[in-house]
Amino acid sequence: MKRRDFLKSVSGLAAGAALPAMPSVVSSAKADARSETLLIVSEGGPNNLDIHGVGTNVPGYEVSWNCYDRLISHEMKSGPGGVPYYDRDKFKGELAEDFKIDDMSVTFKLKKNAKFHDGAPVTAKDVKWSLDRAVSVGGFPTFQMSAGSLTKPEQFVVIDDHTVRVDFLKKDRLTIPDLAVIVPCIVNSELVKKNASEKDPWGLEFTKQQTAGSGAYKVTKWTAGTEVVMERNDDWVGGPLPKIKRVIWRMVPQAGNRRALLERGDADISYELPFKDFQEMKANGKLNVVSLPFSNGIQYIGMNVTKPPFDNPKVRQAIAYAMPYQKIMDAVLFGLGNPMFGAPKDKPTEVAWPQPHKFNTDMEKAKALLAEAGYANGFETTISFDLNFAGVNEPLCVLVQESLAQLGIKTTINKVPGANWRTELNKKEMPLFTNVFSGWLDYPEYFFYWCYHGNNSVFNTMSYKSAEMDKLIDGARAAASTGDTATYDKDVKGFVDLAFTDIPRIPLYQPFVNVAMQKNISGYQYWFHRRLDYRAMAKG
């Protein structure tokens, strides 16, 4: 189909069910100074506006990042291709005017003119309540805080209305970086407490539906699965006032429709398109396309090691030899990813993550291992994926299904709605699945703490436990805090080797963030959370 005919067919669709409201959005945006409105189209949207909520999905992170402030944030540096990229090791104040790091604590002085969206001043009491909430609410937020040894409300001390001290339980190089991630956001405590209840002491039901922050934007309308509208907070003091006044973020499930809206100029920015589309759009040059590797990130095949047959290491190794690695790189990613397989056998393990393992597609080895494990005739299982990222996950699962069929393994593909994906991961009942994990703090021991440690976080999706692994991860964290490089290097190499021997999850590739935008959009920045930061964006 010629591009012209394709666009005609999509504009025909716009009158029907597929794109019901984009024309009205465009006309209202024109009236509202098109140059100050950012129109985003994506496959899926948030299922919760609060990062502390139960099962908040990845699109929910984008709302939290733009609508709430943290005490501190990262400085930017020039990244691959000159794209602004967060600097892992440099921090600046956001709500904090300044901060002083001592041996066993850090003290923050708050900006005196900081206000929440309802006009209430941001005080040290709000900071303490918000950090107490993060370490107490359970689930993902509490585990995230523990990654930086922030676990007890007693660690957060109000000195006066504008001064807060955070005490360290122990030396941990992840503590300061952990205060700059999305979770320790500062919430309007008085507003939320008014809307809390005995059953819901932290007011999670209230903040699920509306934002209660001091950030650069506030949500003025949210229709789950359809759109999010955010307006600029003109009183924001966390940084320079953004150029974009209004953000309209629409959920458009069909990738073809998203691409057409971009190419017609009806949408400003989109991500989560098929990789083939990104390659074609790069080639035709009408849009700006950014492709950057996820920092500390991997797409993997996970196996639940607590249940047969995946409790057998030989079965897991067989699956690792059966993966159609190169086919996935070529047919799903169109080269937009870094391979994490097929390292030369004589290549030593590096003190780095991610790095490739030594497995490659070898069906004979896979069959032999499966026979040794007692499954010469294969078995039946299901392979699950997140429908929010179906563009990559579905063709990937089809290729895996075809490959495993050659071993007599019959797999049924289970498509999990994006809004339910995190809840399903939490249950840890899926036998075989694909997922992405990208560690917000770019250190090997941080990734492994989340994904392989026996304290079994939500992202240890395989329920993998090994006393030896825990000792190596804990050892690396302790060595990093004291600058003991020799022990750190030994432990990092040790836990990477063990992960590749026990192979509870099979790294496939390091994904790329791909974002397509109109030529007049500037200010895109790459952040550890991989979501859009509207605060630096502008339209020419």
Protein backbone atom coordinates (compact mmCIF):
# COMPACT_ATOMS: atom_id res chain seq x y z
CA MET A 1 0.00 0.00 0.00
CA LYS A 2 1.39 3.43 -0.94
CA ARG A 3 1.90 5.87 1.92
CA ARG A 4 -0.76 8.22 0.46
CA ASP A 5 -3.34 5.43 0.32
CA PHE A 6 -2.34 4.30 3.81
CA LEU A 7 -2.90 7.78 5.23
CA LYS A 8 -6.22 8.04 3.38
CA SER A 9 -7.33 4.75 4.93
CA VAL A 10 -6.29 5.97 8.40
CA SER A 11 -8.03 9.33 7.99
CA GLY A 12 -11.09 7.30 7.07
CA LEU A 13 -10.60 5.39 10.31
CA ALA A 14 -10.42 8.66 12.23
CA ALA A 15 -14.12 9.17 11.58
CA GLY A 16 -14.82 5.69 12.97
CA ALA A 17 -14.04 3.99 16.25
CA ALA A 18 -10.26 3.83 16.01
CA LEU A 19 -9.52 7.57 16.40
CA PRO A 20 -12.69 9.09 17.77
CA ALA A 21 -11.49 12.29 19.32
CA MET A 22 -8.14 13.34 17.86
CA PRO A 23 -9.62 15.96 15.48
CA SER A 24 -11.40 17.71 18.39
CA VAL A 25 -8.20 17.55 20.44
CA VAL A 26 -6.30 19.17 17.59
CA SER A 27 -8.85 21.96 17.16
CA SER A 28 -9.03 22.73 20.89
CA ALA A 29 -5.24 22.64 20.99
CA LYS A 30 -5.10 25.14 18.11
CA ALA A 31 -7.37 27.45 20.06
CA ASP A 32 -5.13 27.01 23.07
CA ALA A 33 -1.99 28.09 21.20
CA ARG A 34 -0.82 24.93 19.45
CA SER A 35 2.77 25.95 20.08
CA GLU A 36 2.30 25.58 23.85
CA THR A 37 0.44 22.23 23.73
CA LEU A 38 2.23 18.91 23.46
CA LEU A 39 0.19 16.08 21.84
CA ILE A 40 1.49 12.62 22.73
CA VAL A 41 0.12 9.33 21.38
CA SER A 42 1.05 5.96 22.86
CA GLU A 43 -0.27 2.42 23.05
CA GLY A 44 -1.03 2.29 26.77
CA GLY A 45 -1.55 4.80 29.55
CA PRO A 46 -1.36 4.96 33.33
CA ASN A 47 -3.48 2.71 35.56
CA ASN A 48 -2.74 4.86 38.64
CA LEU A 49 -1.50 8.46 39.09
CA ASP A 50 0.43 7.65 42.29
CA ILE A 51 3.83 5.95 42.19
CA HIS A 52 3.11 4.66 45.74
CA GLY A 53 -0.05 2.92 44.53
CA VAL A 54 -0.42 -0.85 44.37
CA GLY A 55 0.58 -2.17 40.93
CA THR A 56 1.19 1.27 39.35
CA ASN A 57 2.36 0.56 35.79
CA VAL A 58 5.25 2.12 33.85
CA PRO A 59 3.12 4.84 32.15
CA GLY A 60 2.08 5.87 35.67
CA TYR A 61 5.74 6.75 36.33
CA GLU A 62 5.55 9.45 33.65
CA VAL A 63 2.68 11.22 35.43
CA SER A 64 4.45 11.05 38.79
CA TRP A 65 7.76 12.35 37.39
CA ASN A 66 6.15 15.44 35.86
CA CYS A 67 3.54 16.20 38.56
CA TYR A 68 5.55 15.65 41.76
CA ASP A 69 8.91 16.96 42.97
CA ARG A 70 11.70 15.14 44.75
CA LEU A 71 14.20 16.73 47.15
CA ILE A 72 16.97 16.29 44.58
CA SER A 73 17.41 15.35 40.93
CA HIS A 74 20.27 14.63 38.53
CA GLU A 75 22.32 17.05 36.49
CA MET A 76 22.33 16.42 32.73
CA LYS A 77 25.29 15.59 30.46
CA SER A 78 25.69 14.98 26.74
CA GLY A 79 24.84 11.36 25.93
CA PRO A 80 25.07 9.17 22.80
CA GLY A 81 24.55 11.24 19.65
CA GLY A 82 24.61 14.44 21.73
CA VAL A 83 21.21 13.71 23.32
CA PRO A 84 20.95 15.17 26.87
CA TYR A 85 21.36 12.25 29.30
CA TYR A 86 21.03 12.19 33.08
CA ASP A 87 24.38 12.18 34.90
CA ARG A 88 24.42 9.18 37.23
CA ASP A 89 26.92 10.75 39.62
CA LYS A 90 25.86 14.43 39.81
CA PHE A 91 22.93 15.79 41.81
CA LYS A 92 21.16 19.13 42.18
CA GLY A 93 18.32 20.41 44.34
CA GLU A 94 14.69 20.24 43.18
CA LEU A 95 12.61 21.04 46.28
CA ALA A 96 15.87 21.42 48.19
CA GLU A 97 17.58 24.79 47.93
CA ASP A 98 20.78 23.13 49.09
CA PHE A 99 21.87 19.95 50.84
CA LYS A 100 24.85 18.87 52.89
CA ILE A 101 26.07 15.28 52.96
CA ASP A 102 27.78 14.29 56.23
CA ASP A 103 29.31 10.98 57.24
CA MET A 104 26.06 9.34 58.41
CA SER A 105 23.32 11.76 57.29
CA VAL A 106 22.26 14.32 54.68
CA THR A 107 20.51 17.60 55.56
CA PHE A 108 18.15 19.36 53.12
CA LYS A 109 17.14 23.04 53.22
CA LEU A 110 13.80 23.45 51.42
CA LYS A 111 12.97 26.28 49.00
CA LYS A 112 10.84 28.66 51.08
CA ASN A 113 8.58 29.62 48.15
CA ALA A 114 7.66 26.02 47.15
CA LYS A 115 3.89 25.45 47.02
CA PHE A 116 1.62 22.50 46.31
CA HIS A 117 -0.88 22.72 43.45
CA ASP A 118 -3.60 23.90 45.86
CA GLY A 119 -1.41 26.78 47.10
CA ALA A 120 -0.41 25.19 50.44
CA PRO A 121 3.29 25.69 51.30
CA VAL A 122 5.63 22.69 51.07
CA THR A 123 7.03 22.10 54.57
CA ALA A 124 9.45 19.72 56.24
CA LYS A 125 6.40 17.94 57.75
CA ASP A 126 5.20 17.11 54.20
CA VAL A 127 8.64 15.78 53.33
CA LYS A 128 8.76 13.55 56.40
CA TRP A 129 5.20 12.28 55.88
CA SER A 130 5.93 11.49 52.22
CA LEU A 131 9.15 9.60 52.98
CA ASP A 132 7.43 7.79 55.88
CA ARG A 133 4.72 6.81 53.40
CA ALA A 134 7.24 5.51 50.87
CA VAL A 135 9.00 3.22 53.40
CA SER A 136 5.74 2.06 55.03
CA VAL A 137 3.22 1.51 52.25
CA GLY A 138 4.74 -1.87 51.22
CA GLY A 139 5.26 -3.41 47.81
CA PHE A 140 7.36 -1.75 45.13
CA PRO A 141 7.82 1.71 46.75
CA THR A 142 9.05 0.27 50.05
CA PHE A 143 11.40 -2.14 48.32
CA GLN A 144 12.73 0.70 46.15
CA MET A 145 13.51 2.77 49.24
CA SER A 146 15.25 -0.23 50.83
CA ALA A 147 17.55 -0.42 47.79
CA GLY A 148 19.20 2.70 49.23
CA SER A 149 19.00 1.49 52.86
CA LEU A 150 16.02 3.78 53.56
CA THR A 151 13.69 1.56 55.59
CA LYS A 152 12.53 3.28 58.82
CA PRO A 153 10.40 6.39 59.45
CA GLU A 154 12.85 7.28 62.27
CA GLN A 155 15.48 8.03 59.58
CA PHE A 156 13.55 11.14 58.47
CA VAL A 157 13.90 13.96 60.99
CA VAL A 158 12.18 17.38 60.92
CA ILE A 159 14.63 20.05 62.11
CA ASP A 160 12.39 23.07 61.44
CA ASP A 161 9.70 24.07 58.91
CA HIS A 162 12.22 24.18 56.06
CA THR A 163 14.91 21.71 57.15
CA VAL A 164 14.88 17.91 57.03
CA ARG A 165 17.63 15.44 57.89
CA VAL A 166 17.86 11.90 56.52
CA ASP A 167 19.92 9.61 58.76
CA PHE A 168 21.80 6.67 57.29
CA LEU A 169 21.39 3.23 58.85
CA LYS A 170 24.71 2.24 57.30
CA LYS A 171 27.10 3.48 54.65
CA ASP A 172 25.54 2.76 51.24
CA ARG A 173 26.56 4.40 47.98
CA LEU A 174 22.98 3.96 46.69
CA THR A 175 21.34 6.15 49.40
CA ILE A 176 21.76 9.57 47.75
CA PRO A 177 20.93 8.32 44.21
CA ASP A 178 17.85 6.58 45.65
CA LEU A 179 16.50 9.94 46.86
CA ALA A 180 16.49 11.17 43.23
CA VAL A 181 14.34 8.38 41.74
CA ILE A 182 10.56 8.68 41.25
CA VAL A 183 9.43 7.00 44.49
CA PRO A 184 10.54 9.53 47.18
CA CYS A 185 8.25 12.21 45.74
CA ILE A 186 6.82 14.84 48.05
CA VAL A 187 3.06 14.63 48.59
CA ASN A 188 0.65 17.25 49.97
CA SER A 189 0.25 15.50 53.33
CA GLU A 190 -2.59 17.61 54.78
CA LEU A 191 -4.71 17.23 51.62
CA VAL A 192 -4.13 13.46 51.44
CA LYS A 193 -4.70 12.92 55.19
CA LYS A 194 -8.11 14.63 54.82
CA ASN A 195 -8.96 11.99 52.20
CA ALA A 196 -7.48 8.98 54.01
CA SER A 197 -9.38 6.47 56.12
CA GLU A 198 -8.72 3.84 58.75
CA LYS A 199 -8.58 1.19 56.02
CA ASP A 200 -6.47 3.43 53.75
CA PRO A 201 -4.23 5.46 56.13
CA TRP A 202 -1.95 6.69 53.35
CA GLY A 203 -4.82 7.94 51.14
CA LEU A 204 -3.88 5.72 48.17
CA GLU A 205 -7.43 5.67 46.79
CA PHE A 206 -7.46 9.48 46.65
CA THR A 207 -4.05 9.85 44.97
CA LYS A 208 -4.81 7.06 42.50
CA GLN A 209 -7.33 9.39 40.82
CA GLN A 210 -5.69 12.83 41.17
CA THR A 211 -2.27 14.34 41.68
CA ALA A 212 -1.40 16.01 45.01
CA GLY A 213 2.08 17.33 44.34
CA SER A 214 4.11 20.49 43.82
CA GLY A 215 5.52 19.48 40.44
CA ALA A 216 5.71 21.32 37.12
CA TYR A 217 2.37 19.87 35.92
CA LYS A 218 -0.92 18.80 37.43
CA VAL A 219 -3.46 16.35 36.01
CA THR A 220 -6.69 18.19 35.18
CA LYS A 221 -8.42 15.27 33.44
CA TRP A 222 -7.83 11.54 33.34
CA THR A 223 -9.99 9.02 31.52
CA ALA A 224 -8.33 5.64 32.11
CA GLY A 225 -7.36 3.96 28.84
CA THR A 226 -8.25 7.06 26.80
CA GLU A 227 -6.37 10.21 27.74
CA VAL A 228 -4.52 12.21 30.35
CA VAL A 229 -4.57 16.03 30.28
CA MET A 230 -1.95 17.92 32.27
CA GLU A 231 -1.67 21.70 32.76
CA ARG A 232 1.47 23.59 33.72
CA ASN A 233 1.83 24.72 37.34
CA ASP A 234 2.86 28.36 36.88
CA ASP A 235 4.04 28.53 40.52
CA TRP A 236 6.59 25.71 40.08
CA VAL A 237 9.97 26.44 41.69
CA GLY A 238 11.71 23.09 41.09
CA GLY A 239 13.41 24.42 37.94
CA PRO A 240 12.96 26.88 35.06
CA LEU A 241 9.26 27.31 34.13
CA PRO A 242 8.51 24.85 31.28
CA LYS A 243 7.71 26.20 27.80
CA ILE A 244 4.90 23.66 27.34
CA LYS A 245 1.68 24.84 29.00
CA ARG A 246 -0.52 21.84 28.32
CA VAL A 247 0.09 18.15 27.67
CA ILE A 248 -2.56 15.97 26.02
CA TRP A 249 -1.56 12.31 26.14
CA ARG A 250 -3.82 10.02 24.18
CA MET A 251 -4.01 6.24 24.16
CA VAL A 252 -4.20 5.07 20.52
CA PRO A 253 -3.92 1.25 20.55
CA GLN A 254 -3.21 0.72 16.81
CA ALA A 255 0.43 1.38 15.91
CA GLY A 256 -0.55 2.24 12.32
CA ASN A 257 -2.86 4.98 13.57
CA ARG A 258 -0.16 6.40 15.85
CA ARG A 259 2.28 6.53 12.97
CA ALA A 260 -0.28 8.16 10.68
CA LEU A 261 -1.09 10.83 13.27
CA LEU A 262 2.62 11.62 13.55
CA GLU A 263 3.20 11.71 9.80
CA ARG A 264 0.18 13.95 9.27
CA GLY A 265 1.48 16.31 11.95
CA ASP A 266 -1.60 15.76 14.13
CA ALA A 267 0.53 14.36 16.97
CA ASP A 268 3.82 15.76 18.23
CA ILE A 269 5.48 12.73 19.78
CA SER A 270 5.10 8.96 20.07
CA TYR A 271 6.95 5.94 21.37
CA GLU A 272 6.24 2.18 21.51
CA LEU A 273 5.88 1.93 17.74
CA PRO A 274 7.03 -1.20 15.88
CA PHE A 275 10.78 -1.12 15.32
CA LYS A 276 10.26 -1.44 11.57
CA ASP A 277 8.31 1.86 11.68
CA PHE A 278 11.12 3.58 13.57
CA GLN A 279 13.67 2.38 11.01
CA GLU A 280 11.46 3.57 8.12
CA MET A 281 10.80 6.93 9.78
CA LYS A 282 14.53 7.37 10.42
CA ALA A 283 15.22 6.65 6.75
CA ASN A 284 12.60 9.07 5.35
CA GLY A 285 13.87 11.89 7.59
CA LYS A 286 10.59 13.81 8.08
CA LEU A 287 10.58 13.22 11.83
CA ASN A 288 13.28 13.22 14.48
CA VAL A 289 13.81 9.69 15.83
CA VAL A 290 15.91 9.15 18.96
CA SER A 291 17.22 5.62 19.70
CA LEU A 292 19.20 5.10 22.90
CA PRO A 293 20.04 1.92 24.86
CA PHE A 294 18.21 1.46 28.18
CA SER A 295 20.68 2.19 30.96
CA ASN A 296 21.05 -0.97 33.09
CA GLY A 297 18.22 -2.67 31.17
CA ILE A 298 17.44 -6.05 29.62
CA GLN A 299 14.56 -7.80 27.86
CA TYR A 300 14.55 -11.37 29.10
CA ILE A 301 12.72 -14.66 29.18
CA GLY A 302 11.90 -15.54 32.80
CA MET A 303 11.10 -18.96 34.23
CA ASN A 304 9.39 -19.68 37.56
CA VAL A 305 12.05 -21.77 39.31
CA THR A 306 9.72 -22.89 42.13
CA LYS A 307 7.58 -25.12 39.88
CA PRO A 308 8.33 -28.04 37.54
CA PRO A 309 9.72 -28.22 34.94
CA PHE A 310 11.56 -24.90 35.42
CA ASP A 311 12.82 -25.90 38.87
CA ASN A 312 15.31 -28.10 36.96
CA PRO A 313 18.48 -26.17 35.92
CA LYS A 314 18.93 -28.47 32.89
CA VAL A 315 15.49 -27.51 31.59
CA ARG A 316 16.40 -23.83 31.97
CA GLN A 317 19.71 -24.36 30.16
CA ALA A 318 17.85 -26.22 27.39
CA ILE A 319 15.46 -23.27 26.99
CA ALA A 320 18.49 -20.93 26.87
CA TYR A 321 19.97 -22.96 24.00
CA ALA A 322 16.61 -23.01 22.19
CA MET A 323 16.06 -19.22 22.10
CA PRO A 324 15.89 -17.80 18.53
CA TYR A 325 18.21 -14.93 19.51
CA GLN A 326 19.25 -13.64 16.09
CA LYS A 327 15.75 -14.01 14.63
CA ILE A 328 14.45 -11.77 17.43
CA MET A 329 17.16 -9.17 16.72
CA ASP A 330 16.36 -9.18 12.98
CA ALA A 331 12.60 -9.73 12.72
CA VAL A 332 11.34 -7.99 15.90
CA LEU A 333 13.93 -5.29 16.65
CA PHE A 334 15.25 -4.54 13.15
CA GLY A 335 18.65 -4.09 14.78
CA LEU A 336 17.43 -1.57 17.40
CA GLY A 337 18.92 -3.31 20.43
CA ASN A 338 22.26 -4.62 21.75
CA PRO A 339 22.58 -8.46 21.70
CA MET A 340 23.06 -10.04 25.12
CA PHE A 341 23.93 -13.56 23.89
CA GLY A 342 26.69 -15.49 22.16
CA ALA A 343 29.71 -14.11 24.04
CA PRO A 344 32.89 -15.99 22.97
CA LYS A 345 33.56 -18.96 25.28
CA ASP A 346 37.04 -17.66 26.18
CA LYS A 347 35.82 -14.13 26.98
CA PRO A 348 36.29 -13.38 30.69
CA THR A 349 33.40 -12.02 32.74
CA GLU A 350 33.51 -8.22 33.07
CA VAL A 351 32.79 -6.01 36.05
CA ALA A 352 29.81 -4.59 34.19
CA TRP A 353 26.10 -4.99 33.60
CA PRO A 354 24.47 -5.68 31.22
CA GLN A 355 26.89 -8.02 29.44
CA PRO A 356 26.30 -10.94 27.04
CA HIS A 357 26.08 -14.56 28.22
CA LYS A 358 27.67 -17.45 26.31
CA PHE A 359 24.45 -19.22 25.20
CA ASN A 360 23.61 -19.24 21.51
CA THR A 361 20.88 -21.02 19.51
CA ASP A 362 21.88 -24.72 19.50
CA MET A 363 18.89 -27.05 19.14
CA GLU A 364 20.97 -30.26 19.46
CA LYS A 365 22.34 -29.16 22.84
CA ALA A 366 18.85 -28.09 23.90
CA LYS A 367 17.39 -31.52 23.00
CA ALA A 368 20.18 -33.37 24.82
CA LEU A 369 19.73 -31.30 28.01
CA LEU A 370 15.96 -31.74 27.91
CA ALA A 371 16.37 -35.51 27.59
CA GLU A 372 18.85 -35.53 30.53
CA ALA A 373 16.26 -33.64 32.57
CA GLY A 374 13.64 -36.32 31.82
CA TYR A 375 11.63 -34.32 29.28
CA ALA A 376 12.73 -35.95 26.01
CA ASN A 377 9.17 -35.57 24.64
CA GLY A 378 8.81 -31.97 25.82
CA PHE A 379 5.95 -30.60 27.94
CA GLU A 380 3.14 -28.05 27.85
CA THR A 381 3.35 -24.55 29.29
CA THR A 382 2.18 -20.95 28.77
CA ILE A 383 4.29 -17.93 27.82
CA SER A 384 2.92 -14.58 29.06
CA PHE A 385 3.53 -10.99 28.02
CA ASP A 386 2.40 -7.42 28.78
CA LEU A 387 -0.11 -6.21 26.16
CA ASN A 388 0.97 -2.60 26.83
CA PHE A 389 4.12 -3.47 24.86
CA ALA A 390 2.55 -5.89 22.38
CA GLY A 391 4.44 -4.39 19.41
CA VAL A 392 7.62 -6.12 20.60
CA ASN A 393 6.30 -8.81 22.97
CA GLU A 394 3.84 -10.53 20.64
CA PRO A 395 6.18 -11.26 17.69
CA LEU A 396 8.92 -12.18 20.19
CA CYS A 397 6.64 -14.73 21.89
CA VAL A 398 5.57 -16.19 18.54
CA LEU A 399 9.23 -16.78 17.58
CA VAL A 400 9.92 -18.39 21.00
CA GLN A 401 6.80 -20.56 20.61
CA GLU A 402 7.98 -21.77 17.18
CA SER A 403 11.47 -22.50 18.48
CA LEU A 404 10.31 -24.44 21.56
CA ALA A 405 7.93 -26.49 19.38
CA GLN A 406 11.04 -28.05 17.79
CA LEU A 407 11.80 -29.55 21.23
CA GLY A 408 8.25 -30.86 21.67
CA ILE A 409 7.45 -28.02 24.09
CA LYS A 410 3.92 -26.82 23.38
CA THR A 411 3.38 -23.23 24.53
CA THR A 412 0.13 -21.29 24.71
CA ILE A 413 0.60 -17.52 24.45
CA ASN A 414 -1.06 -15.60 27.32
CA LYS A 415 -1.67 -11.88 26.57
CA VAL A 416 -2.02 -9.98 29.86
CA PRO A 417 -3.72 -6.53 29.73
CA GLY A 418 -1.23 -3.80 30.61
CA ALA A 419 -3.29 -2.56 33.58
CA ASN A 420 -3.01 -6.07 35.17
CA TRP A 421 0.59 -6.90 34.24
CA ARG A 422 2.32 -5.72 37.44
CA THR A 423 -0.32 -7.49 39.56
CA GLU A 424 0.27 -10.75 37.64
CA LEU A 425 4.06 -10.41 38.07
CA ASN A 426 3.50 -9.86 41.80
CA LYS A 427 1.64 -13.17 42.09
CA LYS A 428 4.70 -15.03 40.71
CA GLU A 429 2.58 -17.76 39.18
CA MET A 430 3.40 -17.38 35.47
CA PRO A 431 5.65 -20.31 34.46
CA LEU A 432 7.31 -18.66 31.42
CA PHE A 433 7.15 -15.00 30.40
CA THR A 434 8.98 -12.14 28.77
CA ASN A 435 9.57 -8.81 30.48
CA VAL A 436 11.93 -5.85 30.59
CA PHE A 437 13.76 -4.73 33.69
CA SER A 438 15.85 -1.57 33.70
CA GLY A 439 17.48 -0.58 36.98
CA TRP A 440 16.91 3.08 37.83
CA LEU A 441 20.33 3.29 39.50
CA ASP A 442 22.99 2.30 36.99
CA TYR A 443 25.04 -0.13 39.09
CA PRO A 444 25.32 -3.93 38.64
CA GLU A 445 24.63 -4.64 42.33
CA TYR A 446 21.43 -2.56 42.16
CA PHE A 447 20.09 -4.58 39.21
CA PHE A 448 20.93 -7.85 40.96
CA TYR A 449 19.47 -6.70 44.29
CA TRP A 450 16.13 -6.21 42.53
CA CYS A 451 16.17 -9.23 40.22
CA TYR A 452 18.18 -12.06 41.81
CA HIS A 453 18.28 -11.49 45.58
CA GLY A 454 16.50 -13.98 47.85
CA ASN A 455 14.50 -11.24 49.58
CA ASN A 456 12.37 -11.79 46.49
CA SER A 457 11.30 -8.34 45.30
CA VAL A 458 8.51 -7.86 42.75
CA PHE A 459 11.19 -7.92 40.00
CA ASN A 460 12.68 -11.23 41.10
CA THR A 461 9.95 -12.53 38.81
CA MET A 462 11.44 -16.05 38.78
CA SER A 463 11.25 -16.46 42.63
CA TYR A 464 14.94 -17.38 42.44
CA LYS A 465 16.75 -17.98 45.73
CA SER A 466 20.40 -18.81 46.27
CA ALA A 467 22.39 -18.22 49.47
CA GLU A 468 25.56 -17.91 47.38
CA MET A 469 23.95 -15.25 45.15
CA ASP A 470 22.73 -13.25 48.16
CA LYS A 471 26.23 -13.32 49.70
CA LEU A 472 27.79 -12.00 46.47
CA ILE A 473 25.20 -9.21 46.01
CA ASP A 474 25.44 -8.14 49.68
CA GLY A 475 29.24 -8.32 49.47
CA ALA A 476 29.34 -6.06 46.40
CA ARG A 477 27.04 -3.51 48.08
CA ALA A 478 29.20 -3.47 51.22
CA ALA A 479 32.44 -3.21 49.20
CA ALA A 480 31.01 -0.32 47.09
CA SER A 481 30.15 1.64 50.27
CA THR A 482 33.75 1.47 51.53
CA GLY A 483 35.54 1.75 48.18
CA ASP A 484 36.98 -1.80 48.39
CA THR A 485 37.47 -2.23 44.62
CA ALA A 486 39.11 -5.67 44.72
CA THR A 487 36.24 -7.27 46.66
CA TYR A 488 33.65 -5.37 44.61
CA ASP A 489 35.10 -6.60 41.29
CA LYS A 490 35.32 -10.19 42.55
CA ASP A 491 31.72 -10.20 43.82
CA VAL A 492 30.24 -8.59 40.68
CA LYS A 493 31.98 -11.13 38.42
CA GLY A 494 30.81 -13.84 40.83
CA PHE A 495 27.12 -12.92 40.73
CA VAL A 496 27.11 -12.47 36.94
CA ASP A 497 28.72 -15.92 36.46
CA LEU A 498 26.22 -17.51 38.86
CA ALA A 499 23.26 -15.87 37.09
CA PHE A 500 24.47 -17.33 33.78
CA THR A 501 25.08 -20.79 35.31
CA ASP A 502 21.75 -21.09 37.14
CA ILE A 503 20.00 -19.14 34.29
CA PRO A 504 16.63 -18.45 36.02
CA ARG A 505 16.12 -15.73 33.41
CA ILE A 506 17.62 -15.57 29.92
CA PRO A 507 18.81 -12.13 28.81
CA LEU A 508 17.90 -11.60 25.13
CA TYR A 509 19.01 -8.03 24.40
CA GLN A 510 19.46 -4.55 25.82
CA PRO A 511 16.46 -2.63 24.43
CA PHE A 512 16.57 0.84 22.93
CA VAL A 513 14.27 3.70 23.84
CA ASN A 514 12.83 4.87 20.53
CA VAL A 515 10.96 8.18 20.39
CA ALA A 516 9.65 9.80 17.21
CA MET A 517 8.84 13.50 17.29
CA GLN A 518 8.11 16.39 14.98
CA LYS A 519 11.15 18.40 13.84
CA ASN A 520 9.97 21.45 15.81
CA ILE A 521 10.16 19.62 19.17
CA SER A 522 13.30 20.26 21.18
CA GLY A 523 14.49 19.45 24.69
CA TYR A 524 14.06 15.66 24.75
CA GLN A 525 16.15 14.20 27.60
CA TYR A 526 16.99 10.57 28.39
CA TRP A 527 16.18 9.64 31.99
CA PHE A 528 16.78 6.41 33.94
CA HIS A 529 12.99 5.79 33.98
CA ARG A 530 12.87 6.08 30.14
CA ARG A 531 9.67 8.16 30.20
CA LEU A 532 9.10 11.66 28.79
CA ASP A 533 10.11 14.70 30.82
CA TYR A 534 7.89 17.54 29.54
CA ARG A 535 9.63 20.12 31.72
CA ALA A 536 12.55 20.63 29.33
CA MET A 537 10.57 20.32 26.09
CA ALA A 538 9.63 23.14 23.72
CA LYS A 539 7.99 23.59 20.33
CA GLY A 540 9.53 25.83 17.70
